[in-house]
């Protein structure tokens, strides 16, 4: 029986009309890397919670928008034109409910930030403005240039076991990052400047991991990225069968 993974969409306005969408590469990575059937979840708030009854996993994708700081008592927004309240109202309760069920969760870029906020952590609103930190934003250039490898990260714990390495090169397209990890959150990757690049929810009953980079980009040609999606897919299949999953 097919394993199904839900991908929450963003709320946008295009040519004056509201749209719900997310880049196609996430669904392609779920299908080709995790071996699961992807479906889009419209950003309609807590009304979407019942969809979890039909899912085997939840992938929280990246987005140009940022989690509104009101969700983590972060003060005034430093990016007032980059928010998506409909997405916040959908993903934050979905994440909490999925983890409570033991459902596998893979959170990418904005997703890792949502994962942290949903469970009680805080964010840096502008990492590049902090002393001693690198500028982790994408910069200019073609898509291939913007999504190309930018800097190394050090891996530990379950993520290192999944990837089979304690250091890899990753891309970097984010302005915000985790400040204080949520209770029960374990840091599993760091950039050279101390920026948190990956976390695992140690208190979760199943796979619950967030990465700050974009493994879905060119996943088929990157062994570390493919390993992450394969592990997520294996966890989703175990969840569907009611069995336990652990990293090799």
Protein backbone atom coordinates (compact mmCIF):
# COMPACT_ATOMS: atom_id res chain seq x y z
CA UNK A 1 0.00 0.00 0.00
CA UNK A 2 1.34 3.46 -0.92
CA UNK A 3 2.84 5.67 1.78
CA UNK A 4 1.50 9.24 1.71
CA UNK A 5 3.37 12.37 2.82
CA UNK A 6 1.68 15.74 3.29
CA UNK A 7 3.41 18.98 2.29
CA UNK A 8 1.87 22.20 3.67
CA UNK A 9 1.62 24.97 1.08
CA UNK A 10 2.18 28.70 1.32
CA UNK A 11 -0.50 31.34 0.83
CA UNK A 12 0.42 33.80 -1.92
CA UNK A 13 -1.20 36.34 -4.17
CA UNK A 14 -0.40 36.19 -7.88
CA UNK A 15 -1.92 38.70 -10.31
CA UNK A 16 -4.42 39.72 -7.64
CA UNK A 17 -5.63 36.18 -6.97
CA UNK A 18 -4.93 34.08 -3.86
CA UNK A 19 -2.95 30.91 -4.49
CA UNK A 20 -1.77 27.93 -2.45
CA UNK A 21 1.53 26.52 -3.66
CA UNK A 22 5.04 25.34 -2.89
CA UNK A 23 8.00 24.57 -5.17
CA UNK A 24 7.66 21.31 -7.09
CA UNK A 25 11.07 20.04 -5.98
CA UNK A 26 9.74 19.05 -2.54
CA UNK A 27 7.14 16.73 -4.02
CA UNK A 28 9.73 15.35 -6.44
CA UNK A 29 12.10 14.57 -3.55
CA UNK A 30 9.32 12.88 -1.58
CA UNK A 31 8.42 10.74 -4.59
CA UNK A 32 11.90 10.04 -5.90
CA UNK A 33 13.89 10.07 -2.67
CA UNK A 34 11.50 8.92 0.05
CA UNK A 35 9.49 6.63 -2.24
CA UNK A 36 6.22 8.14 -1.00
CA UNK A 37 3.21 9.80 -2.62
CA UNK A 38 3.22 13.57 -1.97
CA UNK A 39 0.05 15.57 -1.44
CA UNK A 40 -0.30 19.30 -0.86
CA UNK A 41 -2.00 20.60 2.28
CA UNK A 42 -3.71 23.99 1.76
CA UNK A 43 -2.87 26.63 4.40
CA UNK A 44 -6.35 26.75 5.96
CA UNK A 45 -5.40 26.63 9.63
CA UNK A 46 -6.49 24.03 12.17
CA UNK A 47 -9.24 22.88 9.80
CA UNK A 48 -6.47 20.82 8.15
CA UNK A 49 -5.62 18.78 11.27
CA UNK A 50 -7.90 15.83 10.32
CA UNK A 51 -5.76 15.23 7.22
CA UNK A 52 -3.18 13.64 9.53
CA UNK A 53 -5.52 10.64 9.82
CA UNK A 54 -4.76 9.90 6.15
CA UNK A 55 -1.00 10.58 6.19
CA UNK A 56 2.12 8.58 7.00
CA UNK A 57 4.51 11.52 7.20
CA UNK A 58 4.74 15.30 7.13
CA UNK A 59 7.32 17.32 5.20
CA UNK A 60 7.50 21.01 6.15
CA UNK A 61 9.09 22.82 3.18
CA UNK A 62 11.06 26.03 2.87
CA UNK A 63 9.57 29.36 1.84
CA UNK A 64 10.62 32.98 1.26
CA UNK A 65 8.38 33.93 4.20
CA UNK A 66 9.33 33.90 7.88
CA UNK A 67 7.49 32.69 10.98
CA UNK A 68 5.90 35.72 12.62
CA UNK A 69 7.78 36.58 15.84
CA UNK A 70 4.52 36.80 17.78
CA UNK A 71 4.58 33.00 17.82
CA UNK A 72 7.78 32.93 19.88
CA UNK A 73 7.65 36.26 21.74
CA UNK A 74 10.33 37.60 19.42
CA UNK A 75 9.28 41.26 19.61
CA UNK A 76 8.73 43.45 16.58
CA UNK A 77 9.16 41.88 13.17
CA UNK A 78 12.41 42.77 11.43
CA UNK A 79 11.00 41.43 8.15
CA UNK A 80 7.45 42.85 8.13
CA UNK A 81 6.95 42.21 4.40
CA UNK A 82 7.93 38.54 4.63
CA UNK A 83 5.20 36.82 6.62
CA UNK A 84 2.54 34.24 5.81
CA UNK A 85 0.04 34.11 8.70
CA UNK A 86 -2.10 31.48 6.95
CA UNK A 87 0.88 29.14 6.75
CA UNK A 88 1.82 29.78 10.39
CA UNK A 89 -1.75 28.99 11.45
CA UNK A 90 -1.56 25.69 9.56
CA UNK A 91 1.96 24.34 10.05
CA UNK A 92 2.45 25.05 13.75
CA UNK A 93 -0.58 23.01 14.91
CA UNK A 94 0.12 20.33 12.27
CA UNK A 95 3.66 19.88 13.56
CA UNK A 96 2.56 19.59 17.18
CA UNK A 97 -0.20 17.11 16.31
CA UNK A 98 2.04 15.01 14.05
CA UNK A 99 4.74 14.67 16.69
CA UNK A 100 2.16 13.83 19.34
CA UNK A 101 1.06 10.93 17.10
CA UNK A 102 4.62 9.72 16.55
CA UNK A 103 4.28 10.56 12.84
CA UNK A 104 7.57 11.17 10.99
CA UNK A 105 8.34 14.84 10.36
CA UNK A 106 11.07 16.21 8.09
CA UNK A 107 11.39 20.01 8.28
CA UNK A 108 13.44 22.00 5.74
CA UNK A 109 14.69 25.62 5.95
CA UNK A 110 11.62 27.61 7.10
CA UNK A 111 10.40 24.22 8.23
CA UNK A 112 13.16 23.75 10.82
CA UNK A 113 12.27 27.18 12.18
CA UNK A 114 8.58 26.25 12.35
CA UNK A 115 9.47 22.96 14.05
CA UNK A 116 11.44 24.83 16.70
CA UNK A 117 8.79 27.49 17.26
CA UNK A 118 5.94 24.96 17.35
CA UNK A 119 7.66 23.17 20.23
CA UNK A 120 8.58 26.29 22.22
CA UNK A 121 11.90 27.54 20.82
CA UNK A 122 12.95 30.96 19.48
CA UNK A 123 14.57 32.34 16.32
CA UNK A 124 17.20 34.84 15.27
CA UNK A 125 15.36 37.14 12.87
CA UNK A 126 18.48 38.26 10.99
CA UNK A 127 21.47 35.97 11.35
CA UNK A 128 23.68 38.15 9.11
CA UNK A 129 23.28 41.07 11.55
CA UNK A 130 24.79 39.10 14.45
CA UNK A 131 28.43 39.59 15.39
CA UNK A 132 30.64 36.77 14.17
CA UNK A 133 28.01 35.19 11.94
CA UNK A 134 28.19 34.58 8.22
CA UNK A 135 25.62 35.87 5.75
CA UNK A 136 23.60 32.70 5.12
CA UNK A 137 21.34 34.26 2.50
CA UNK A 138 21.37 33.01 -1.09
CA UNK A 139 22.88 36.02 -2.82
CA UNK A 140 22.65 36.69 -6.53
CA UNK A 141 23.03 34.43 -9.54
CA UNK A 142 21.22 31.65 -11.33
CA UNK A 143 19.15 29.12 -9.41
CA UNK A 144 21.97 26.60 -9.75
CA UNK A 145 24.42 29.12 -8.31
CA UNK A 146 22.12 30.14 -5.47
CA UNK A 147 21.42 26.52 -4.51
CA UNK A 148 25.00 25.36 -4.92
CA UNK A 149 27.21 24.26 -1.99
CA UNK A 150 28.18 27.23 0.20
CA UNK A 151 29.80 26.05 3.44
CA UNK A 152 30.63 22.96 5.52
CA UNK A 153 28.68 21.78 8.55
CA UNK A 154 29.62 19.36 11.32
CA UNK A 155 27.16 16.50 11.94
CA UNK A 156 26.55 14.47 15.07
CA UNK A 157 24.08 11.93 16.46
CA UNK A 158 21.31 10.35 14.42
CA UNK A 159 21.80 12.64 11.43
CA UNK A 160 25.49 11.67 11.19
CA UNK A 161 24.46 8.01 11.23
CA UNK A 162 21.86 8.59 8.51
CA UNK A 163 24.28 10.49 6.27
CA UNK A 164 27.28 8.31 7.11
CA UNK A 165 29.57 11.30 7.67
CA UNK A 166 30.48 13.80 10.36
CA UNK A 167 30.93 16.72 7.91
CA UNK A 168 29.30 17.68 4.60
CA UNK A 169 28.96 20.73 2.37
CA UNK A 170 25.51 22.33 2.19
CA UNK A 171 23.74 25.13 0.37
CA UNK A 172 22.55 28.19 2.27
CA UNK A 173 19.47 30.30 1.50
CA UNK A 174 18.13 31.56 4.82
CA UNK A 175 18.03 34.83 6.70
CA UNK A 176 16.68 33.42 9.97
CA UNK A 177 17.81 30.51 12.13
CA UNK A 178 17.24 28.86 15.48
CA UNK A 179 18.23 30.94 18.48
CA UNK A 180 17.10 28.87 21.50
CA UNK A 181 16.24 25.24 20.73
CA UNK A 182 12.86 24.07 22.00
CA UNK A 183 12.73 21.79 25.04
CA UNK A 184 13.61 18.24 24.03
CA UNK A 185 15.41 19.44 20.90
CA UNK A 186 18.93 18.14 20.22
CA UNK A 187 21.36 20.00 17.94
CA UNK A 188 22.77 17.63 15.32
CA UNK A 189 24.59 19.98 12.94
CA UNK A 190 26.41 23.31 13.22
CA UNK A 191 27.97 25.68 10.70
CA UNK A 192 31.44 27.02 11.34
CA UNK A 193 30.00 30.26 12.74
CA UNK A 194 27.86 28.42 15.28
CA UNK A 195 24.59 28.66 13.35
CA UNK A 196 22.34 25.67 14.08
CA UNK A 197 21.97 23.66 10.86
CA UNK A 198 20.02 20.60 12.01
CA UNK A 199 18.02 19.41 15.01
CA UNK A 200 16.28 16.26 16.19
CA UNK A 201 13.30 16.12 18.53
CA UNK A 202 14.72 13.68 21.09
CA UNK A 203 11.39 13.48 22.91
CA UNK A 204 9.52 12.39 19.76
CA UNK A 205 8.41 8.76 19.44
CA UNK A 206 9.38 8.67 15.78
CA UNK A 207 11.54 10.38 13.16
CA UNK A 208 11.42 14.15 13.78
CA UNK A 209 14.28 16.05 12.19
CA UNK A 210 14.85 19.54 10.83
CA UNK A 211 17.61 20.80 8.52
CA UNK A 212 18.38 24.43 7.73
CA UNK A 213 19.67 23.80 4.20
CA UNK A 214 17.83 22.46 1.13
CA UNK A 215 18.50 18.73 0.62
CA UNK A 216 15.60 18.53 -1.83
CA UNK A 217 17.61 20.53 -4.39
CA UNK A 218 19.38 18.01 -6.64
CA UNK A 219 18.68 15.27 -4.09
CA UNK A 220 19.32 12.47 -6.58
CA UNK A 221 22.91 13.60 -7.19
CA UNK A 222 23.82 14.20 -3.55
CA UNK A 223 24.44 11.09 -1.40
CA UNK A 224 23.80 12.93 1.88
CA UNK A 225 20.52 14.41 0.65
CA UNK A 226 19.35 11.10 -0.77
CA UNK A 227 20.19 9.36 2.52
CA UNK A 228 18.02 11.86 4.43
CA UNK A 229 15.02 11.31 2.16
CA UNK A 230 15.46 7.55 2.17
CA UNK A 231 15.55 7.54 5.97
CA UNK A 232 12.43 9.71 6.08
CA UNK A 233 10.68 7.35 3.67
CA UNK A 234 11.68 4.31 5.73
CA UNK A 235 10.33 6.01 8.85
CA UNK A 236 7.04 6.76 7.09
CA UNK A 237 6.68 3.13 6.03
CA UNK A 238 7.42 1.97 9.57
CA UNK A 239 4.80 4.39 10.90
CA UNK A 240 2.22 3.02 8.48
CA UNK A 241 2.99 -0.54 9.60
CA UNK A 242 3.01 0.39 13.28
CA UNK A 243 6.66 -0.60 13.74
CA UNK A 244 9.67 1.24 15.14
CA UNK A 245 12.28 2.99 13.02
CA UNK A 246 15.87 3.79 13.97
CA UNK A 247 18.81 5.20 12.03
CA UNK A 248 21.29 2.55 10.94
